[in-house]
Amino acid sequence: MFKNIFKKQAQTQKQQYDKTKQKPIIRASICTGEKVAGFKDLATGQFSEIMLIRNDSDLYEYMQSYGVERDDIVKEY
């Protein structure tokens, strides 16, 4: 009965980001290893967090949700 309470809801629509003004980034902490996916504004350098990356399935969800390819993602420390 309560099995599906904590399951993530699959998104059916891809969300958009402006490829000319933003680039996909994964920020990783050297100390803790925490990873956060988001987008960096190319003009201002401001980073907007989208989601915490705990494992490969979270990364896959981020890539599917925004139509991002693995080669497009830049890692920052």
PDB file of N, CA and C in Angstrom:
ATOM      1  N   MET A   1       0.807  -1.189   0.000  1.00  0.00           N
ATOM      2  CA  MET A   1       0.000   0.000   0.000  1.00  0.00           C
ATOM      3  C   MET A   1       0.858   1.264   0.000  1.00  0.00           C
ATOM      4  N   PHE A   2       1.923   1.282   0.820  1.00  0.00           N
ATOM      5  CA  PHE A   2       2.749   2.482   0.943  1.00  0.00           C
ATOM      6  C   PHE A   2       4.044   2.384   0.143  1.00  0.00           C
ATOM      7  N   LYS A   3       4.159   1.455  -0.764  1.00  0.00           N
ATOM      8  CA  LYS A   3       5.400   1.265  -1.513  1.00  0.00           C
ATOM      9  C   LYS A   3       5.744   2.449  -2.409  1.00  0.00           C
ATOM     10  N   ASN A   4       4.774   3.082  -3.028  1.00  0.00           N
ATOM     11  CA  ASN A   4       5.034   4.126  -4.005  1.00  0.00           C
ATOM     12  C   ASN A   4       5.058   5.537  -3.442  1.00  0.00           C
ATOM     13  N   ILE A   5       4.991   5.681  -2.136  1.00  0.00           N
ATOM     14  CA  ILE A   5       4.975   7.008  -1.530  1.00  0.00           C
ATOM     15  C   ILE A   5       6.281   7.733  -1.790  1.00  0.00           C
ATOM     16  N   PHE A   6       7.407   7.056  -1.660  1.00  0.00           N
ATOM     17  CA  PHE A   6       8.701   7.703  -1.750  1.00  0.00           C
ATOM     18  C   PHE A   6       9.332   7.588  -3.124  1.00  0.00           C
ATOM     19  N   LYS A   7       8.645   7.007  -4.083  1.00  0.00           N
ATOM     20  CA  LYS A   7       9.173   6.925  -5.438  1.00  0.00           C
ATOM     21  C   LYS A   7       9.060   8.269  -6.119  1.00  0.00           C
ATOM     22  N   LYS A   8      10.034   8.585  -6.956  1.00  0.00           N
ATOM     23  CA  LYS A   8      10.008   9.836  -7.699  1.00  0.00           C
ATOM     24  C   LYS A   8       8.985   9.749  -8.812  1.00  0.00           C
ATOM     25  N   GLN A   9       8.318  10.841  -9.045  1.00  0.00           N
ATOM     26  CA  GLN A   9       7.370  10.918 -10.133  1.00  0.00           C
ATOM     27  C   GLN A   9       8.129  11.182 -11.422  1.00  0.00           C
ATOM     28  N   ALA A  10       7.894  10.401 -12.447  1.00  0.00           N
ATOM     29  CA  ALA A  10       8.554  10.596 -13.727  1.00  0.00           C
ATOM     30  C   ALA A  10       7.950  11.801 -14.434  1.00  0.00           C
ATOM     31  N   GLN A  11       8.816  12.621 -14.984  1.00  0.00           N
ATOM     32  CA  GLN A  11       8.347  13.784 -15.714  1.00  0.00           C
ATOM     33  C   GLN A  11       8.079  13.380 -17.151  1.00  0.00           C
ATOM     34  N   THR A  12       6.971  13.815 -17.681  1.00  0.00           N
ATOM     35  CA  THR A  12       6.607  13.435 -19.024  1.00  0.00           C
ATOM     36  C   THR A  12       7.086  14.451 -20.053  1.00  0.00           C
ATOM     37  N   GLN A  13       7.249  15.712 -19.667  1.00  0.00           N
ATOM     38  CA  GLN A  13       7.666  16.744 -20.598  1.00  0.00           C
ATOM     39  C   GLN A  13       9.104  17.161 -20.300  1.00  0.00           C
ATOM     40  N   LYS A  14       9.847  17.419 -21.372  1.00  0.00           N
ATOM     41  CA  LYS A  14      11.189  17.939 -21.196  1.00  0.00           C
ATOM     42  C   LYS A  14      11.099  19.408 -20.841  1.00  0.00           C
ATOM     43  N   GLN A  15      11.927  19.808 -19.899  1.00  0.00           N
ATOM     44  CA  GLN A  15      11.995  21.213 -19.532  1.00  0.00           C
ATOM     45  C   GLN A  15      13.050  21.874 -20.411  1.00  0.00           C
ATOM     46  N   GLN A  16      12.934  23.155 -20.597  1.00  0.00           N
ATOM     47  CA  GLN A  16      13.807  23.868 -21.509  1.00  0.00           C
ATOM     48  C   GLN A  16      14.807  24.745 -20.752  1.00  0.00           C
ATOM     49  N   TYR A  17      15.960  24.927 -21.367  1.00  0.00           N
ATOM     50  CA  TYR A  17      16.915  25.930 -20.935  1.00  0.00           C
ATOM     51  C   TYR A  17      17.465  26.585 -22.184  1.00  0.00           C
ATOM     52  N   ASP A  18      17.937  27.811 -22.058  1.00  0.00           N
ATOM     53  CA  ASP A  18      18.430  28.564 -23.203  1.00  0.00           C
ATOM     54  C   ASP A  18      19.880  28.175 -23.474  1.00  0.00           C
ATOM     55  N   LYS A  19      20.102  27.407 -24.526  1.00  0.00           N
ATOM     56  CA  LYS A  19      21.434  26.904 -24.843  1.00  0.00           C
ATOM     57  C   LYS A  19      22.398  28.011 -25.244  1.00  0.00           C
ATOM     58  N   THR A  20      21.871  29.142 -25.701  1.00  0.00           N
ATOM     59  CA  THR A  20      22.746  30.246 -26.088  1.00  0.00           C
ATOM     60  C   THR A  20      23.179  31.086 -24.891  1.00  0.00           C
ATOM     61  N   LYS A  21      22.435  31.007 -23.779  1.00  0.00           N
ATOM     62  CA  LYS A  21      22.745  31.825 -22.610  1.00  0.00           C
ATOM     63  C   LYS A  21      23.177  31.023 -21.392  1.00  0.00           C
ATOM     64  N   GLN A  22      22.960  29.712 -21.407  1.00  0.00           N
ATOM     65  CA  GLN A  22      23.291  28.877 -20.249  1.00  0.00           C
ATOM     66  C   GLN A  22      24.029  27.630 -20.699  1.00  0.00           C
ATOM     67  N   LYS A  23      24.835  27.086 -19.777  1.00  0.00           N
ATOM     68  CA  LYS A  23      25.462  25.801 -20.061  1.00  0.00           C
ATOM     69  C   LYS A  23      25.248  24.876 -18.862  1.00  0.00           C
ATOM     70  N   PRO A  24      25.067  23.572 -19.127  1.00  0.00           N
ATOM     71  CA  PRO A  24      24.853  22.621 -18.035  1.00  0.00           C
ATOM     72  C   PRO A  24      26.149  22.393 -17.256  1.00  0.00           C
ATOM     73  N   ILE A  25      26.028  22.424 -15.948  1.00  0.00           N
ATOM     74  CA  ILE A  25      27.177  22.305 -15.047  1.00  0.00           C
ATOM     75  C   ILE A  25      26.843  21.306 -13.947  1.00  0.00           C
ATOM     76  N   ILE A  26      27.861  20.555 -13.522  1.00  0.00           N
ATOM     77  CA  ILE A  26      27.762  19.793 -12.275  1.00  0.00           C
ATOM     78  C   ILE A  26      28.814  20.362 -11.346  1.00  0.00           C
ATOM     79  N   ARG A  27      28.349  20.900 -10.240  1.00  0.00           N
ATOM     80  CA  ARG A  27      29.261  21.421  -9.228  1.00  0.00           C
ATOM     81  C   ARG A  27      29.545  20.303  -8.241  1.00  0.00           C
ATOM     82  N   ALA A  28      30.831  20.024  -8.037  1.00  0.00           N
ATOM     83  CA  ALA A  28      31.229  18.967  -7.117  1.00  0.00           C
ATOM     84  C   ALA A  28      32.123  19.551  -6.030  1.00  0.00           C
ATOM     85  N   SER A  29      31.871  19.163  -4.810  1.00  0.00           N
ATOM     86  CA  SER A  29      32.684  19.598  -3.685  1.00  0.00           C
ATOM     87  C   SER A  29      33.882  18.673  -3.548  1.00  0.00           C
ATOM     88  N   ILE A  30      35.054  19.256  -3.447  1.00  0.00           N
ATOM     89  CA  ILE A  30      36.260  18.449  -3.271  1.00  0.00           C
ATOM     90  C   ILE A  30      36.253  17.787  -1.894  1.00  0.00           C
ATOM     91  N   CYS A  31      35.783  18.497  -0.885  1.00  0.00           N
ATOM     92  CA  CYS A  31      35.809  17.993   0.490  1.00  0.00           C
ATOM     93  C   CYS A  31      34.777  16.895   0.745  1.00  0.00           C
ATOM     94  N   THR A  32      33.535  17.153   0.383  1.00  0.00           N
ATOM     95  CA  THR A  32      32.461  16.228   0.747  1.00  0.00           C
ATOM     96  C   THR A  32      32.054  15.298  -0.393  1.00  0.00           C
ATOM     97  N   GLY A  33      32.391  15.661  -1.628  1.00  0.00           N
ATOM     98  CA  GLY A  33      31.986  14.837  -2.764  1.00  0.00           C
ATOM     99  C   GLY A  33      30.562  15.095  -3.215  1.00  0.00           C
ATOM    100  N   GLU A  34      29.884  16.048  -2.592  1.00  0.00           N
ATOM    101  CA  GLU A  34      28.506  16.368  -2.970  1.00  0.00           C
ATOM    102  C   GLU A  34      28.484  16.957  -4.382  1.00  0.00           C
ATOM    103  N   LYS A  35      27.494  16.522  -5.171  1.00  0.00           N
ATOM    104  CA  LYS A  35      27.351  17.008  -6.544  1.00  0.00           C
ATOM    105  C   LYS A  35      25.973  17.630  -6.720  1.00  0.00           C
ATOM    106  N   VAL A  36      25.955  18.785  -7.381  1.00  0.00           N
ATOM    107  CA  VAL A  36      24.717  19.492  -7.659  1.00  0.00           C
ATOM    108  C   VAL A  36      24.696  19.816  -9.145  1.00  0.00           C
ATOM    109  N   ALA A  37      23.590  19.472  -9.804  1.00  0.00           N
ATOM    110  CA  ALA A  37      23.425  19.769 -11.219  1.00  0.00           C
ATOM    111  C   ALA A  37      22.643  21.057 -11.371  1.00  0.00           C
ATOM    112  N   GLY A  38      22.994  21.803 -12.400  1.00  0.00           N
ATOM    113  CA  GLY A  38      22.287  23.042 -12.668  1.00  0.00           C
ATOM    114  C   GLY A  38      22.779  23.679 -13.946  1.00  0.00           C
ATOM    115  N   PHE A  39      22.535  24.968 -14.065  1.00  0.00           N
ATOM    116  CA  PHE A  39      22.932  25.705 -15.253  1.00  0.00           C
ATOM    117  C   PHE A  39      23.653  26.981 -14.845  1.00  0.00           C
ATOM    118  N   LYS A  40      24.681  27.328 -15.607  1.00  0.00           N
ATOM    119  CA  LYS A  40      25.454  28.540 -15.358  1.00  0.00           C
ATOM    120  C   LYS A  40      25.154  29.539 -16.461  1.00  0.00           C
ATOM    121  N   ASP A  41      24.803  30.753 -16.062  1.00  0.00           N
ATOM    122  CA  ASP A  41      24.542  31.826 -17.002  1.00  0.00           C
ATOM    123  C   ASP A  41      25.880  32.280 -17.588  1.00  0.00           C
ATOM    124  N   LEU A  42      25.997  32.279 -18.900  1.00  0.00           N
ATOM    125  CA  LEU A  42      27.261  32.613 -19.551  1.00  0.00           C
ATOM    126  C   LEU A  42      27.616  34.095 -19.413  1.00  0.00           C
ATOM    127  N   ALA A  43      26.628  34.954 -19.313  1.00  0.00           N
ATOM    128  CA  ALA A  43      26.884  36.394 -19.216  1.00  0.00           C
ATOM    129  C   ALA A  43      27.296  36.808 -17.808  1.00  0.00           C
ATOM    130  N   THR A  44      26.588  36.306 -16.800  1.00  0.00           N
ATOM    131  CA  THR A  44      26.838  36.749 -15.426  1.00  0.00           C
ATOM    132  C   THR A  44      27.669  35.766 -14.610  1.00  0.00           C
ATOM    133  N   GLY A  45      27.713  34.507 -15.039  1.00  0.00           N
ATOM    134  CA  GLY A  45      28.423  33.490 -14.269  1.00  0.00           C
ATOM    135  C   GLY A  45      27.618  32.948 -13.113  1.00  0.00           C
ATOM    136  N   GLN A  46      26.361  33.353 -12.998  1.00  0.00           N
ATOM    137  CA  GLN A  46      25.506  32.907 -11.899  1.00  0.00           C
ATOM    138  C   GLN A  46      25.081  31.459 -12.119  1.00  0.00           C
ATOM    139  N   PHE A  47      25.160  30.653 -11.076  1.00  0.00           N
ATOM    140  CA  PHE A  47      24.791  29.239 -11.124  1.00  0.00           C
ATOM    141  C   PHE A  47      23.412  29.060 -10.519  1.00  0.00           C
ATOM    142  N   SER A  48      22.533  28.365 -11.224  1.00  0.00           N
ATOM    143  CA  SER A  48      21.205  28.060 -10.680  1.00  0.00           C
ATOM    144  C   SER A  48      21.106  26.555 -10.467  1.00  0.00           C
ATOM    145  N   GLU A  49      20.894  26.170  -9.219  1.00  0.00           N
ATOM    146  CA  GLU A  49      20.824  24.754  -8.850  1.00  0.00           C
ATOM    147  C   GLU A  49      19.505  24.159  -9.313  1.00  0.00           C
ATOM    148  N   ILE A  50      19.584  22.937  -9.834  1.00  0.00           N
ATOM    149  CA  ILE A  50      18.389  22.227 -10.257  1.00  0.00           C
ATOM    150  C   ILE A  50      18.125  21.042  -9.341  1.00  0.00           C
ATOM    151  N   MET A  51      19.142  20.209  -9.137  1.00  0.00           N
ATOM    152  CA  MET A  51      18.924  19.031  -8.302  1.00  0.00           C
ATOM    153  C   MET A  51      20.237  18.489  -7.759  1.00  0.00           C
ATOM    154  N   LEU A  52      20.137  17.761  -6.666  1.00  0.00           N
ATOM    155  CA  LEU A  52      21.260  17.073  -6.055  1.00  0.00           C
ATOM    156  C   LEU A  52      21.501  15.772  -6.806  1.00  0.00           C
ATOM    157  N   ILE A  53      22.752  15.479  -7.122  1.00  0.00           N
ATOM    158  CA  ILE A  53      23.104  14.242  -7.819  1.00  0.00           C
ATOM    159  C   ILE A  53      23.708  13.287  -6.792  1.00  0.00           C
ATOM    160  N   ARG A  54      22.953  12.251  -6.439  1.00  0.00           N
ATOM    161  CA  ARG A  54      23.429  11.272  -5.465  1.00  0.00           C
ATOM    162  C   ARG A  54      23.995  10.032  -6.129  1.00  0.00           C
ATOM    163  N   ASN A  55      23.501   9.719  -7.338  1.00  0.00           N
ATOM    164  CA  ASN A  55      23.957   8.517  -8.039  1.00  0.00           C
ATOM    165  C   ASN A  55      23.732   8.694  -9.540  1.00  0.00           C
ATOM    166  N   ASP A  56      24.051   7.658 -10.305  1.00  0.00           N
ATOM    167  CA  ASP A  56      23.929   7.738 -11.760  1.00  0.00           C
ATOM    168  C   ASP A  56      22.488   7.903 -12.224  1.00  0.00           C
ATOM    169  N   SER A  57      21.547   7.374 -11.474  1.00  0.00           N
ATOM    170  CA  SER A  57      20.149   7.521 -11.893  1.00  0.00           C
ATOM    171  C   SER A  57      19.679   8.967 -11.751  1.00  0.00           C
ATOM    172  N   ASP A  58      20.186   9.701 -10.757  1.00  0.00           N
ATOM    173  CA  ASP A  58      19.868  11.125 -10.635  1.00  0.00           C
ATOM    174  C   ASP A  58      20.451  11.912 -11.803  1.00  0.00           C
ATOM    175  N   LEU A  59      21.679  11.569 -12.195  1.00  0.00           N
ATOM    176  CA  LEU A  59      22.300  12.223 -13.342  1.00  0.00           C
ATOM    177  C   LEU A  59      21.515  11.929 -14.615  1.00  0.00           C
ATOM    178  N   TYR A  60      21.095  10.702 -14.771  1.00  0.00           N
ATOM    179  CA  TYR A  60      20.297  10.315 -15.939  1.00  0.00           C
ATOM    180  C   TYR A  60      18.975  11.071 -15.964  1.00  0.00           C
ATOM    181  N   GLU A  61      18.335  11.232 -14.816  1.00  0.00           N
ATOM    182  CA  GLU A  61      17.073  11.978 -14.729  1.00  0.00           C
ATOM    183  C   GLU A  61      17.275  13.437 -15.121  1.00  0.00           C
ATOM    184  N   TYR A  62      18.360  14.039 -14.650  1.00  0.00           N
ATOM    185  CA  TYR A  62      18.687  15.425 -15.012  1.00  0.00           C
ATOM    186  C   TYR A  62      18.879  15.546 -16.522  1.00  0.00           C
ATOM    187  N   MET A  63      19.629  14.624 -17.098  1.00  0.00           N
ATOM    188  CA  MET A  63      19.895  14.661 -18.534  1.00  0.00           C
ATOM    189  C   MET A  63      18.620  14.466 -19.345  1.00  0.00           C
ATOM    190  N   GLN A  64      17.753  13.567 -18.925  1.00  0.00           N
ATOM    191  CA  GLN A  64      16.495  13.319 -19.629  1.00  0.00           C
ATOM    192  C   GLN A  64      15.526  14.478 -19.483  1.00  0.00           C
ATOM    193  N   SER A  65      15.483  15.082 -18.313  1.00  0.00           N
ATOM    194  CA  SER A  65      14.537  16.168 -18.060  1.00  0.00           C
ATOM    195  C   SER A  65      14.832  17.404 -18.901  1.00  0.00           C
ATOM    196  N   TYR A  66      16.113  17.666 -19.152  1.00  0.00           N
ATOM    197  CA  TYR A  66      16.493  18.881 -19.855  1.00  0.00           C
ATOM    198  C   TYR A  66      17.067  18.620 -21.247  1.00  0.00           C
ATOM    199  N   GLY A  67      17.134  17.366 -21.667  1.00  0.00           N
ATOM    200  CA  GLY A  67      17.656  17.047 -22.985  1.00  0.00           C
ATOM    201  C   GLY A  67      19.143  17.353 -23.114  1.00  0.00           C
ATOM    202  N   VAL A  68      19.887  17.115 -22.044  1.00  0.00           N
ATOM    203  CA  VAL A  68      21.316  17.389 -22.008  1.00  0.00           C
ATOM    204  C   VAL A  68      22.080  16.108 -22.320  1.00  0.00           C
ATOM    205  N   GLU A  69      23.121  16.228 -23.136  1.00  0.00           N
ATOM    206  CA  GLU A  69      24.001  15.094 -23.424  1.00  0.00           C
ATOM    207  C   GLU A  69      25.138  15.088 -22.408  1.00  0.00           C
ATOM    208  N   ARG A  70      25.681  13.905 -22.143  1.00  0.00           N
ATOM    209  CA  ARG A  70      26.771  13.779 -21.178  1.00  0.00           C
ATOM    210  C   ARG A  70      27.985  14.610 -21.591  1.00  0.00           C
ATOM    211  N   ASP A  71      28.251  14.695 -22.897  1.00  0.00           N
ATOM    212  CA  ASP A  71      29.407  15.452 -23.382  1.00  0.00           C
ATOM    213  C   ASP A  71      29.244  16.960 -23.182  1.00  0.00           C
ATOM    214  N   ASP A  72      28.010  17.438 -23.036  1.00  0.00           N
ATOM    215  CA  ASP A  72      27.754  18.868 -22.864  1.00  0.00           C
ATOM    216  C   ASP A  72      27.964  19.331 -21.433  1.00  0.00           C
ATOM    217  N   ILE A  73      27.944  18.409 -20.487  1.00  0.00           N
ATOM    218  CA  ILE A  73      28.026  18.762 -19.068  1.00  0.00           C
ATOM    219  C   ILE A  73      29.471  19.034 -18.667  1.00  0.00           C
ATOM    220  N   VAL A  74      29.685  20.172 -18.035  1.00  0.00           N
ATOM    221  CA  VAL A  74      30.996  20.563 -17.541  1.00  0.00           C
ATOM    222  C   VAL A  74      30.997  20.372 -16.032  1.00  0.00           C
ATOM    223  N   LYS A  75      32.100  19.858 -15.488  1.00  0.00           N
ATOM    224  CA  LYS A  75      32.208  19.663 -14.035  1.00  0.00           C
ATOM    225  C   LYS A  75      33.070  20.765 -13.447  1.00  0.00           C
ATOM    226  N   GLU A  76      32.553  21.420 -12.417  1.00  0.00           N
ATOM    227  CA  GLU A  76      33.292  22.465 -11.698  1.00  0.00           C
ATOM    228  C   GLU A  76      33.518  22.034 -10.275  1.00  0.00           C
ATOM    229  N   TYR A  77      34.668  22.418  -9.727  1.00  0.00           N
ATOM    230  CA  TYR A  77      34.998  22.115  -8.340  1.00  0.00           C
ATOM    231  C   TYR A  77      35.033  23.357  -7.506  1.00  0.00           C
TER     232      TYR A  77
END
